[in-house]
Amino acid sequence: MGKAKIDTTIEEVTTTQAIKVIANDTTRVYPFGSSQRMDSAFWGSVYEMDTTDKTTAKLENISWIPIGDEFFSNEINVPTRAFSEGFPGITDRFEWFSVVYEGAIVPPASGTYTFKLLCDDGARLYIDGDVVVEGDGIHVPLTYEGGVYLDEGEVYDFVLEYFQGPRFHIALVLEVQIPGREMRLFNMADFEWSDSE
């Protein structure tokens, strides 16, 4: 058992994804995560979207009917890419589906955390049930920001909802500025609980 890093280059943009690898066990790597359960990771689920009115689709249109495979990731890093590249193992769909990440985070310091969310189409970040970043609706790749005060060592529920509406692109990247640090890609390794804390 170990970890591996996979570099993916799409339209001249390279992203790195850390995954868990187990000997003699197949690990599938998807744009939104991998099939292998990992320590300190989000788990993701894929759902259908209610497409009754495609012109005003919002996160409220998630049907909560599961489709595709459950997956895991310690980062949310899907830079802007063509929707037509598909999502093998996640869903056969190119349009009109939702991805929901869930997990628990433990802040490494007390203070105000700034979150930056790039999305196409809608996305919303909740911490302990409160909306921290709002980017709902059908739109081109846009970046939204929000902040919240978190206490060091406390456990907070984390939920990120996302939906892909109509063509032509997808994007979902979450960054965070931990108090006293620079903005960087959000990674669960920075927010995990350990016995030494």
N, C-alpha and C. Protein backbone atom coordinates (compact mmCIF):
# COMPACT_ATOMS: atom_id res chain seq x y z
N MET A 1 0.85 -1.17 0.00
CA MET A 1 0.00 0.00 0.00
C MET A 1 0.89 1.23 0.00
N GLY A 2 0.47 2.24 -0.75
CA GLY A 2 1.23 3.47 -0.81
C GLY A 2 0.43 4.56 -1.48
N LYS A 3 1.11 5.65 -1.80
CA LYS A 3 0.48 6.77 -2.49
C LYS A 3 1.19 7.00 -3.80
N ALA A 4 0.45 7.53 -4.76
CA ALA A 4 1.03 7.87 -6.06
C ALA A 4 0.50 9.24 -6.46
N LYS A 5 1.26 9.91 -7.30
CA LYS A 5 0.82 11.18 -7.86
C LYS A 5 0.68 11.01 -9.35
N ILE A 6 -0.43 11.49 -9.89
CA ILE A 6 -0.69 11.39 -11.32
C ILE A 6 -0.81 12.79 -11.89
N ASP A 7 -0.01 13.07 -12.92
CA ASP A 7 -0.09 14.34 -13.62
C ASP A 7 -0.98 14.16 -14.85
N THR A 8 -1.93 15.07 -15.02
CA THR A 8 -2.82 15.05 -16.17
C THR A 8 -2.70 16.39 -16.87
N THR A 9 -2.47 16.36 -18.20
CA THR A 9 -2.38 17.59 -18.97
C THR A 9 -3.54 17.64 -19.94
N ILE A 10 -4.35 18.69 -19.82
CA ILE A 10 -5.50 18.90 -20.70
C ILE A 10 -5.44 20.34 -21.19
N GLU A 11 -5.43 20.51 -22.50
CA GLU A 11 -5.36 21.84 -23.10
C GLU A 11 -4.25 22.67 -22.47
N GLU A 12 -3.06 22.07 -22.35
CA GLU A 12 -1.84 22.72 -21.85
C GLU A 12 -1.90 23.10 -20.36
N VAL A 13 -2.90 22.60 -19.64
CA VAL A 13 -2.97 22.83 -18.19
C VAL A 13 -2.70 21.49 -17.51
N THR A 14 -1.66 21.45 -16.66
CA THR A 14 -1.30 20.22 -15.96
C THR A 14 -1.76 20.29 -14.51
N THR A 15 -2.44 19.23 -14.07
CA THR A 15 -2.84 19.13 -12.68
C THR A 15 -2.26 17.85 -12.09
N THR A 16 -2.00 17.87 -10.79
CA THR A 16 -1.46 16.71 -10.10
C THR A 16 -2.49 16.22 -9.10
N GLN A 17 -2.69 14.90 -9.08
CA GLN A 17 -3.66 14.31 -8.16
C GLN A 17 -2.97 13.24 -7.34
N ALA A 18 -3.09 13.31 -6.02
CA ALA A 18 -2.52 12.29 -5.13
C ALA A 18 -3.58 11.22 -4.91
N ILE A 19 -3.19 9.96 -5.05
CA ILE A 19 -4.13 8.86 -4.85
C ILE A 19 -3.50 7.78 -3.98
N LYS A 20 -4.34 6.96 -3.39
CA LYS A 20 -3.89 5.81 -2.59
C LYS A 20 -3.84 4.60 -3.51
N VAL A 21 -2.80 3.79 -3.38
CA VAL A 21 -2.62 2.61 -4.22
C VAL A 21 -2.44 1.40 -3.31
N ILE A 22 -3.17 0.32 -3.60
CA ILE A 22 -3.07 -0.93 -2.85
C ILE A 22 -2.63 -2.02 -3.81
N ALA A 23 -1.63 -2.80 -3.41
CA ALA A 23 -1.12 -3.87 -4.26
C ALA A 23 -2.24 -4.81 -4.68
N ASN A 24 -2.23 -5.21 -5.94
CA ASN A 24 -3.19 -6.16 -6.51
C ASN A 24 -4.64 -5.65 -6.47
N ASP A 25 -4.83 -4.35 -6.35
CA ASP A 25 -6.16 -3.77 -6.34
C ASP A 25 -6.19 -2.64 -7.37
N THR A 26 -7.20 -2.62 -8.22
CA THR A 26 -7.29 -1.60 -9.26
C THR A 26 -7.77 -0.29 -8.67
N THR A 27 -7.06 0.78 -8.99
CA THR A 27 -7.47 2.12 -8.60
C THR A 27 -7.81 2.89 -9.86
N ARG A 28 -9.03 3.35 -9.96
CA ARG A 28 -9.44 4.14 -11.12
C ARG A 28 -9.33 5.62 -10.75
N VAL A 29 -8.77 6.40 -11.66
CA VAL A 29 -8.57 7.83 -11.42
C VAL A 29 -9.50 8.60 -12.35
N TYR A 30 -10.31 9.49 -11.76
CA TYR A 30 -11.28 10.26 -12.50
C TYR A 30 -10.93 11.75 -12.36
N PRO A 31 -11.51 12.60 -13.19
CA PRO A 31 -11.25 14.04 -13.03
C PRO A 31 -11.60 14.56 -11.64
N PHE A 32 -12.67 14.00 -11.03
CA PHE A 32 -13.14 14.50 -9.74
C PHE A 32 -12.59 13.73 -8.54
N GLY A 33 -11.82 12.66 -8.76
CA GLY A 33 -11.30 11.87 -7.65
C GLY A 33 -10.90 10.48 -8.10
N SER A 34 -10.73 9.55 -7.16
CA SER A 34 -10.35 8.19 -7.51
C SER A 34 -11.23 7.19 -6.77
N SER A 35 -11.21 5.94 -7.24
CA SER A 35 -12.09 4.91 -6.68
C SER A 35 -11.60 4.37 -5.35
N GLN A 36 -10.36 4.63 -4.99
CA GLN A 36 -9.77 4.04 -3.78
C GLN A 36 -10.06 4.92 -2.56
N ARG A 37 -10.58 4.30 -1.51
CA ARG A 37 -10.79 5.04 -0.27
C ARG A 37 -9.44 5.53 0.26
N MET A 38 -9.41 6.75 0.77
CA MET A 38 -8.17 7.34 1.28
C MET A 38 -8.40 7.91 2.66
N ASP A 39 -7.34 7.94 3.45
CA ASP A 39 -7.41 8.63 4.73
C ASP A 39 -7.51 10.13 4.45
N SER A 40 -8.11 10.86 5.34
CA SER A 40 -8.28 12.31 5.25
C SER A 40 -8.68 12.74 3.84
N ALA A 41 -9.82 12.24 3.40
CA ALA A 41 -10.31 12.58 2.06
C ALA A 41 -11.79 12.92 2.11
N PHE A 42 -12.22 13.70 1.12
CA PHE A 42 -13.64 13.87 0.88
C PHE A 42 -14.16 12.61 0.23
N TRP A 43 -15.43 12.33 0.39
CA TRP A 43 -16.05 11.33 -0.48
C TRP A 43 -17.04 12.07 -1.36
N GLY A 44 -17.13 11.62 -2.59
CA GLY A 44 -17.99 12.29 -3.56
C GLY A 44 -19.05 11.36 -4.10
N SER A 45 -20.20 11.93 -4.40
CA SER A 45 -21.30 11.19 -5.01
C SER A 45 -21.80 11.99 -6.19
N VAL A 46 -22.38 11.27 -7.16
CA VAL A 46 -22.89 11.89 -8.38
C VAL A 46 -24.40 11.70 -8.43
N TYR A 47 -25.11 12.76 -8.81
CA TYR A 47 -26.57 12.73 -8.84
C TYR A 47 -27.10 13.28 -10.16
N GLU A 48 -28.32 12.86 -10.49
CA GLU A 48 -29.01 13.43 -11.63
C GLU A 48 -29.45 14.85 -11.31
N MET A 49 -29.63 15.63 -12.37
CA MET A 49 -30.21 16.96 -12.24
C MET A 49 -31.62 16.94 -12.83
N ASP A 50 -32.55 17.60 -12.17
CA ASP A 50 -33.89 17.78 -12.72
C ASP A 50 -33.78 18.84 -13.81
N THR A 51 -34.07 18.43 -15.03
CA THR A 51 -33.89 19.34 -16.17
C THR A 51 -35.22 19.85 -16.73
N THR A 52 -36.22 19.97 -15.87
CA THR A 52 -37.53 20.47 -16.31
C THR A 52 -37.39 21.85 -16.94
N ASP A 53 -36.62 22.73 -16.32
CA ASP A 53 -36.38 24.06 -16.88
C ASP A 53 -34.88 24.30 -16.95
N LYS A 54 -34.31 24.03 -18.10
CA LYS A 54 -32.86 24.12 -18.25
C LYS A 54 -32.33 25.55 -18.26
N THR A 55 -33.21 26.52 -18.45
CA THR A 55 -32.74 27.90 -18.52
C THR A 55 -32.49 28.50 -17.14
N THR A 56 -33.09 27.93 -16.11
CA THR A 56 -32.92 28.49 -14.77
C THR A 56 -32.38 27.46 -13.79
N ALA A 57 -31.62 26.49 -14.28
CA ALA A 57 -31.11 25.42 -13.41
C ALA A 57 -30.27 25.99 -12.27
N LYS A 58 -30.47 25.41 -11.10
CA LYS A 58 -29.74 25.80 -9.90
C LYS A 58 -29.45 24.54 -9.10
N LEU A 59 -28.65 24.68 -8.05
CA LEU A 59 -28.32 23.55 -7.20
C LEU A 59 -29.56 22.93 -6.57
N GLU A 60 -30.60 23.72 -6.40
CA GLU A 60 -31.86 23.19 -5.86
C GLU A 60 -32.47 22.14 -6.78
N ASN A 61 -31.99 22.06 -8.04
CA ASN A 61 -32.51 21.08 -9.00
C ASN A 61 -31.81 19.73 -8.93
N ILE A 62 -30.92 19.54 -7.94
CA ILE A 62 -30.32 18.22 -7.75
C ILE A 62 -31.43 17.26 -7.37
N SER A 63 -31.52 16.13 -8.08
CA SER A 63 -32.61 15.19 -7.82
C SER A 63 -32.31 14.25 -6.65
N TRP A 64 -31.04 14.15 -6.27
CA TRP A 64 -30.57 13.25 -5.22
C TRP A 64 -30.81 11.78 -5.59
N ILE A 65 -30.95 11.52 -6.91
CA ILE A 65 -30.97 10.14 -7.42
C ILE A 65 -29.54 9.81 -7.84
N PRO A 66 -28.87 8.87 -7.14
CA PRO A 66 -27.46 8.60 -7.42
C PRO A 66 -27.25 7.99 -8.80
N ILE A 67 -26.18 8.43 -9.46
CA ILE A 67 -25.72 7.84 -10.72
C ILE A 67 -24.20 7.76 -10.64
N GLY A 68 -23.57 6.87 -11.36
CA GLY A 68 -22.11 6.78 -11.36
C GLY A 68 -21.57 6.17 -10.08
N ASP A 69 -20.26 6.17 -9.96
CA ASP A 69 -19.57 5.54 -8.83
C ASP A 69 -19.26 6.55 -7.74
N GLU A 70 -19.20 6.06 -6.49
CA GLU A 70 -18.69 6.88 -5.39
C GLU A 70 -17.18 7.03 -5.60
N PHE A 71 -16.62 8.16 -5.20
CA PHE A 71 -15.19 8.38 -5.39
C PHE A 71 -14.65 9.21 -4.23
N PHE A 72 -13.32 9.34 -4.19
CA PHE A 72 -12.64 9.97 -3.05
C PHE A 72 -11.55 10.91 -3.56
N SER A 73 -11.30 11.97 -2.81
CA SER A 73 -10.25 12.91 -3.19
C SER A 73 -9.84 13.74 -1.98
N ASN A 74 -8.57 14.10 -1.92
CA ASN A 74 -8.15 15.02 -0.87
C ASN A 74 -8.00 16.45 -1.39
N GLU A 75 -8.23 16.64 -2.71
CA GLU A 75 -8.24 17.96 -3.32
C GLU A 75 -9.43 18.04 -4.27
N ILE A 76 -9.86 19.25 -4.54
CA ILE A 76 -10.88 19.48 -5.56
C ILE A 76 -10.22 20.37 -6.59
N ASN A 77 -9.75 19.74 -7.67
CA ASN A 77 -8.89 20.44 -8.61
C ASN A 77 -9.18 20.00 -10.04
N VAL A 78 -10.27 20.53 -10.60
CA VAL A 78 -10.63 20.27 -11.99
C VAL A 78 -10.62 21.62 -12.71
N PRO A 79 -9.43 22.02 -13.24
CA PRO A 79 -9.36 23.31 -13.94
C PRO A 79 -10.26 23.30 -15.18
N THR A 80 -10.55 24.47 -15.70
CA THR A 80 -11.42 24.61 -16.85
C THR A 80 -10.99 23.68 -17.98
N ARG A 81 -11.95 22.90 -18.48
CA ARG A 81 -11.69 21.95 -19.55
C ARG A 81 -12.95 21.78 -20.37
N ALA A 82 -12.81 21.21 -21.56
CA ALA A 82 -13.96 20.98 -22.42
C ALA A 82 -14.87 19.93 -21.81
N PHE A 83 -16.16 20.19 -21.81
CA PHE A 83 -17.12 19.24 -21.24
C PHE A 83 -17.12 17.93 -22.02
N SER A 84 -16.73 17.96 -23.28
CA SER A 84 -16.83 16.79 -24.16
C SER A 84 -15.82 15.70 -23.83
N GLU A 85 -14.87 15.98 -22.93
CA GLU A 85 -13.87 14.97 -22.57
C GLU A 85 -14.47 13.87 -21.70
N GLY A 86 -15.65 14.12 -21.17
CA GLY A 86 -16.36 13.08 -20.42
C GLY A 86 -15.83 12.84 -19.03
N PHE A 87 -16.51 11.96 -18.31
CA PHE A 87 -16.19 11.68 -16.92
C PHE A 87 -16.25 10.19 -16.67
N PRO A 88 -15.32 9.42 -17.28
CA PRO A 88 -15.41 7.96 -17.15
C PRO A 88 -15.46 7.51 -15.70
N GLY A 89 -16.37 6.58 -15.40
CA GLY A 89 -16.50 6.06 -14.05
C GLY A 89 -17.32 6.93 -13.14
N ILE A 90 -17.44 8.21 -13.48
CA ILE A 90 -18.25 9.11 -12.68
C ILE A 90 -19.68 9.06 -13.21
N THR A 91 -19.83 9.33 -14.48
CA THR A 91 -21.13 9.26 -15.13
C THR A 91 -20.90 9.22 -16.63
N ASP A 92 -21.85 8.65 -17.36
CA ASP A 92 -21.78 8.65 -18.82
C ASP A 92 -22.19 9.99 -19.39
N ARG A 93 -22.67 10.86 -18.55
CA ARG A 93 -23.19 12.13 -19.03
C ARG A 93 -22.09 13.17 -19.24
N PHE A 94 -22.34 14.05 -20.19
CA PHE A 94 -21.48 15.19 -20.42
C PHE A 94 -22.12 16.46 -19.84
N GLU A 95 -23.43 16.41 -19.65
CA GLU A 95 -24.18 17.56 -19.18
C GLU A 95 -25.20 17.09 -18.14
N TRP A 96 -25.71 18.04 -17.34
CA TRP A 96 -26.84 17.84 -16.45
C TRP A 96 -26.63 16.72 -15.43
N PHE A 97 -25.58 16.90 -14.62
CA PHE A 97 -25.37 16.03 -13.47
C PHE A 97 -24.77 16.87 -12.36
N SER A 98 -24.78 16.32 -11.16
CA SER A 98 -24.27 17.02 -9.99
C SER A 98 -23.23 16.16 -9.27
N VAL A 99 -22.23 16.81 -8.68
CA VAL A 99 -21.24 16.15 -7.85
C VAL A 99 -21.30 16.80 -6.47
N VAL A 100 -21.39 15.99 -5.43
CA VAL A 100 -21.42 16.52 -4.06
C VAL A 100 -20.29 15.88 -3.26
N TYR A 101 -19.41 16.73 -2.73
CA TYR A 101 -18.32 16.29 -1.86
C TYR A 101 -18.73 16.50 -0.41
N GLU A 102 -18.38 15.53 0.46
CA GLU A 102 -18.67 15.66 1.88
C GLU A 102 -17.45 15.22 2.69
N GLY A 103 -17.31 15.77 3.88
CA GLY A 103 -16.22 15.37 4.75
C GLY A 103 -16.25 16.18 6.03
N ALA A 104 -15.19 16.05 6.81
CA ALA A 104 -15.03 16.83 8.04
C ALA A 104 -13.64 17.43 8.02
N ILE A 105 -13.54 18.69 8.44
CA ILE A 105 -12.25 19.37 8.47
C ILE A 105 -11.94 19.83 9.89
N VAL A 106 -10.64 19.88 10.20
CA VAL A 106 -10.16 20.37 11.50
C VAL A 106 -9.14 21.47 11.22
N PRO A 107 -9.49 22.73 11.45
CA PRO A 107 -8.59 23.84 11.14
C PRO A 107 -7.28 23.76 11.92
N PRO A 108 -6.15 24.07 11.26
CA PRO A 108 -4.86 24.04 11.95
C PRO A 108 -4.57 25.30 12.77
N ALA A 109 -5.40 26.34 12.62
CA ALA A 109 -5.21 27.58 13.37
C ALA A 109 -6.55 28.28 13.50
N SER A 110 -6.70 29.09 14.53
CA SER A 110 -7.91 29.90 14.68
C SER A 110 -7.79 31.17 13.86
N GLY A 111 -8.90 31.58 13.26
CA GLY A 111 -8.89 32.80 12.47
C GLY A 111 -9.87 32.72 11.32
N THR A 112 -9.83 33.75 10.48
CA THR A 112 -10.72 33.80 9.32
C THR A 112 -10.06 33.11 8.14
N TYR A 113 -10.77 32.15 7.59
CA TYR A 113 -10.32 31.39 6.43
C TYR A 113 -11.03 31.94 5.19
N THR A 114 -10.26 32.24 4.16
CA THR A 114 -10.83 32.71 2.90
C THR A 114 -10.81 31.57 1.90
N PHE A 115 -11.96 31.29 1.32
CA PHE A 115 -12.08 30.24 0.32
C PHE A 115 -12.35 30.85 -1.04
N LYS A 116 -11.69 30.32 -2.06
CA LYS A 116 -11.88 30.77 -3.43
C LYS A 116 -12.33 29.56 -4.25
N LEU A 117 -13.41 29.74 -4.99
CA LEU A 117 -14.03 28.64 -5.73
C LEU A 117 -14.21 29.02 -7.20
N LEU A 118 -13.50 28.30 -8.07
CA LEU A 118 -13.68 28.45 -9.52
C LEU A 118 -14.69 27.39 -9.95
N CYS A 119 -15.74 27.79 -10.66
CA CYS A 119 -16.74 26.79 -11.06
C CYS A 119 -17.41 27.15 -12.38
N ASP A 120 -17.81 26.12 -13.09
CA ASP A 120 -18.63 26.18 -14.29
C ASP A 120 -19.34 24.84 -14.38
N ASP A 121 -20.58 24.68 -14.01
CA ASP A 121 -21.52 25.75 -13.73
C ASP A 121 -21.57 26.01 -12.22
N GLY A 122 -22.75 25.84 -11.62
CA GLY A 122 -22.96 26.27 -10.25
C GLY A 122 -22.25 25.46 -9.19
N ALA A 123 -21.86 26.13 -8.11
CA ALA A 123 -21.25 25.46 -6.95
C ALA A 123 -21.53 26.27 -5.70
N ARG A 124 -21.54 25.57 -4.57
CA ARG A 124 -21.77 26.22 -3.28
C ARG A 124 -21.01 25.46 -2.21
N LEU A 125 -20.29 26.18 -1.35
CA LEU A 125 -19.53 25.59 -0.24
C LEU A 125 -20.24 25.88 1.07
N TYR A 126 -20.49 24.80 1.84
CA TYR A 126 -21.07 24.92 3.17
C TYR A 126 -20.05 24.45 4.21
N ILE A 127 -19.98 25.14 5.32
CA ILE A 127 -19.22 24.66 6.48
C ILE A 127 -20.16 24.72 7.67
N ASP A 128 -20.36 23.55 8.30
CA ASP A 128 -21.32 23.40 9.39
C ASP A 128 -22.70 23.90 9.00
N GLY A 129 -23.11 23.66 7.76
CA GLY A 129 -24.44 24.02 7.30
C GLY A 129 -24.62 25.45 6.85
N ASP A 130 -23.60 26.29 7.04
CA ASP A 130 -23.68 27.69 6.62
C ASP A 130 -23.01 27.87 5.26
N VAL A 131 -23.63 28.66 4.39
CA VAL A 131 -23.04 28.94 3.08
C VAL A 131 -21.84 29.87 3.26
N VAL A 132 -20.68 29.43 2.78
CA VAL A 132 -19.45 30.22 2.86
C VAL A 132 -19.12 30.84 1.51
N VAL A 133 -19.31 30.08 0.43
CA VAL A 133 -19.09 30.59 -0.92
C VAL A 133 -20.30 30.22 -1.76
N GLU A 134 -20.85 31.20 -2.47
CA GLU A 134 -22.04 31.02 -3.31
C GLU A 134 -21.68 31.29 -4.77
N GLY A 135 -21.87 30.28 -5.62
CA GLY A 135 -21.60 30.43 -7.05
C GLY A 135 -22.61 29.69 -7.88
N ASP A 136 -23.87 29.73 -7.46
CA ASP A 136 -24.92 28.93 -8.10
C ASP A 136 -25.29 29.48 -9.47
N GLY A 137 -26.00 28.66 -10.25
CA GLY A 137 -26.54 29.08 -11.53
C GLY A 137 -25.72 28.59 -12.71
N ILE A 138 -26.25 28.79 -13.89
CA ILE A 138 -25.56 28.44 -15.14
C ILE A 138 -24.68 29.61 -15.53
N HIS A 139 -23.39 29.36 -15.69
CA HIS A 139 -22.48 30.44 -16.05
C HIS A 139 -21.17 29.89 -16.60
N VAL A 140 -20.40 30.76 -17.23
CA VAL A 140 -19.06 30.42 -17.70
C VAL A 140 -18.16 30.26 -16.48
N PRO A 141 -16.90 29.81 -16.66
CA PRO A 141 -16.02 29.69 -15.50
C PRO A 141 -15.85 31.04 -14.78
N LEU A 142 -16.25 31.08 -13.52
CA LEU A 142 -16.14 32.28 -12.70
C LEU A 142 -15.57 31.90 -11.34
N THR A 143 -14.93 32.86 -10.68
CA THR A 143 -14.35 32.64 -9.36
C THR A 143 -15.15 33.41 -8.32
N TYR A 144 -15.49 32.73 -7.24
CA TYR A 144 -16.25 33.33 -6.13
C TYR A 144 -15.43 33.16 -4.85
N GLU A 145 -15.58 34.11 -3.92
CA GLU A 145 -14.85 34.05 -2.65
C GLU A 145 -15.80 34.21 -1.47
N GLY A 146 -15.36 33.69 -0.34
CA GLY A 146 -16.09 33.87 0.90
C GLY A 146 -15.17 33.56 2.06
N GLY A 147 -15.52 34.05 3.23
CA GLY A 147 -14.70 33.80 4.41
C GLY A 147 -15.52 33.37 5.60
N VAL A 148 -14.85 32.69 6.53
CA VAL A 148 -15.52 32.23 7.74
C VAL A 148 -14.47 32.08 8.84
N TYR A 149 -14.87 32.42 10.06
CA TYR A 149 -13.98 32.25 11.21
C TYR A 149 -14.09 30.81 11.69
N LEU A 150 -12.93 30.15 11.86
CA LEU A 150 -12.89 28.77 12.34
C LEU A 150 -11.94 28.67 13.52
N ASP A 151 -12.28 27.80 14.48
CA ASP A 151 -11.45 27.60 15.67
C ASP A 151 -10.52 26.42 15.47
N GLU A 152 -9.27 26.61 15.84
CA GLU A 152 -8.26 25.54 15.75
C GLU A 152 -8.72 24.31 16.53
N GLY A 153 -8.56 23.15 15.90
CA GLY A 153 -8.85 21.88 16.56
C GLY A 153 -10.30 21.46 16.60
N GLU A 154 -11.22 22.36 16.24
CA GLU A 154 -12.65 22.00 16.20
C GLU A 154 -12.95 21.21 14.92
N VAL A 155 -13.97 20.36 14.98
CA VAL A 155 -14.37 19.58 13.81
C VAL A 155 -15.57 20.26 13.15
N TYR A 156 -15.46 20.50 11.85
CA TYR A 156 -16.51 21.16 11.09
C TYR A 156 -16.95 20.26 9.93
N ASP A 157 -18.27 20.20 9.70
CA ASP A 157 -18.78 19.51 8.53
C ASP A 157 -18.49 20.34 7.29
N PHE A 158 -18.13 19.66 6.21
CA PHE A 158 -17.77 20.31 4.96
C PHE A 158 -18.61 19.68 3.84
N VAL A 159 -19.31 20.51 3.07
CA VAL A 159 -20.08 20.02 1.92
C VAL A 159 -19.85 21.00 0.77
N LEU A 160 -19.51 20.45 -0.39
CA LEU A 160 -19.39 21.25 -1.61
C LEU A 160 -20.31 20.64 -2.66
N GLU A 161 -21.29 21.42 -3.11
CA GLU A 161 -22.22 20.98 -4.14
C GLU A 161 -21.82 21.62 -5.47
N TYR A 162 -21.91 20.85 -6.54
CA TYR A 162 -21.55 21.35 -7.87
C TYR A 162 -22.49 20.74 -8.89
N PHE A 163 -22.83 21.51 -9.93
CA PHE A 163 -23.55 20.89 -11.04
C PHE A 163 -23.00 21.35 -12.37
N GLN A 164 -22.99 20.42 -13.31
CA GLN A 164 -22.64 20.71 -14.69
C GLN A 164 -23.95 20.81 -15.47
N GLY A 165 -24.19 21.99 -16.03
CA GLY A 165 -25.39 22.21 -16.82
C GLY A 165 -25.11 21.95 -18.28
N PRO A 166 -25.34 22.95 -19.13
CA PRO A 166 -25.13 22.76 -20.56
C PRO A 166 -23.67 22.94 -20.95
N ARG A 167 -23.35 22.47 -22.12
CA ARG A 167 -22.00 22.63 -22.67
C ARG A 167 -21.54 24.07 -22.58
N PHE A 168 -20.30 24.44 -22.60
CA PHE A 168 -19.21 23.84 -23.32
C PHE A 168 -18.02 23.49 -22.42
N HIS A 169 -17.99 23.97 -21.19
CA HIS A 169 -16.85 23.74 -20.30
C HIS A 169 -17.31 23.25 -18.93
N ILE A 170 -16.34 22.68 -18.20
CA ILE A 170 -16.53 22.41 -16.78
C ILE A 170 -15.35 23.01 -16.04
N ALA A 171 -15.54 23.29 -14.78
CA ALA A 171 -14.45 23.75 -13.91
C ALA A 171 -14.90 23.61 -12.47
N LEU A 172 -14.01 23.15 -11.61
CA LEU A 172 -14.27 23.09 -10.17
C LEU A 172 -12.94 23.02 -9.45
N VAL A 173 -12.50 24.15 -8.90
CA VAL A 173 -11.24 24.23 -8.17
C VAL A 173 -11.49 24.98 -6.87
N LEU A 174 -11.07 24.38 -5.75
CA LEU A 174 -11.24 25.02 -4.44
C LEU A 174 -9.87 25.37 -3.88
N GLU A 175 -9.71 26.65 -3.51
CA GLU A 175 -8.49 27.12 -2.85
C GLU A 175 -8.85 27.68 -1.48
N VAL A 176 -7.84 27.78 -0.62
CA VAL A 176 -8.07 28.31 0.72
C VAL A 176 -6.86 29.13 1.16
N GLN A 177 -7.14 30.16 1.93
CA GLN A 177 -6.08 30.91 2.61
C GLN A 177 -6.25 30.68 4.10
N ILE A 178 -5.35 29.85 4.64
CA ILE A 178 -5.32 29.58 6.07
C ILE A 178 -4.72 30.82 6.75
N PRO A 179 -5.21 31.24 7.91
CA PRO A 179 -4.66 32.44 8.56
C PRO A 179 -3.13 32.40 8.65
N GLY A 180 -2.50 33.47 8.20
CA GLY A 180 -1.05 33.58 8.24
C GLY A 180 -0.34 32.93 7.07
N ARG A 181 -1.09 32.36 6.13
CA ARG A 181 -0.49 31.70 4.96
C ARG A 181 -1.03 32.31 3.68
N GLU A 182 -0.43 31.91 2.56
CA GLU A 182 -0.89 32.39 1.27
C GLU A 182 -2.00 31.50 0.74
N MET A 183 -2.78 32.03 -0.20
CA MET A 183 -3.83 31.26 -0.86
C MET A 183 -3.20 30.08 -1.59
N ARG A 184 -3.80 28.90 -1.45
CA ARG A 184 -3.29 27.69 -2.11
C ARG A 184 -4.42 26.71 -2.35
N LEU A 185 -4.14 25.70 -3.15
CA LEU A 185 -5.13 24.67 -3.42
C LEU A 185 -5.53 24.01 -2.10
N PHE A 186 -6.84 23.88 -1.86
CA PHE A 186 -7.33 23.23 -0.65
C PHE A 186 -6.91 21.77 -0.67
N ASN A 187 -6.33 21.30 0.44
CA ASN A 187 -5.94 19.90 0.56
C ASN A 187 -6.33 19.41 1.95
N MET A 188 -7.02 18.28 1.99
CA MET A 188 -7.48 17.75 3.28
C MET A 188 -6.34 17.44 4.24
N ALA A 189 -5.14 17.22 3.71
CA ALA A 189 -3.99 16.94 4.58
C ALA A 189 -3.70 18.12 5.51
N ASP A 190 -4.10 19.34 5.11
CA ASP A 190 -3.91 20.52 5.95
C ASP A 190 -4.97 20.64 7.03
N PHE A 191 -6.02 19.82 6.96
CA PHE A 191 -7.17 19.96 7.83
C PHE A 191 -7.54 18.66 8.54
N GLU A 192 -6.60 17.75 8.68
CA GLU A 192 -6.92 16.47 9.28
C GLU A 192 -6.62 16.45 10.77
N TRP A 193 -7.41 15.67 11.49
CA TRP A 193 -7.22 15.49 12.92
C TRP A 193 -6.15 14.43 13.15
N SER A 194 -5.33 14.62 14.18
CA SER A 194 -4.38 13.59 14.54
C SER A 194 -4.30 13.49 16.06
N ASP A 195 -3.79 12.35 16.56
CA ASP A 195 -3.69 12.14 18.01
C ASP A 195 -2.73 13.11 18.67
N SER A 196 -1.83 13.71 17.89
CA SER A 196 -0.84 14.61 18.46
C SER A 196 -1.41 16.00 18.73
N GLU A 197 -2.62 16.26 18.22
CA GLU A 197 -3.20 17.59 18.41
C GLU A 197 -3.82 17.72 19.80
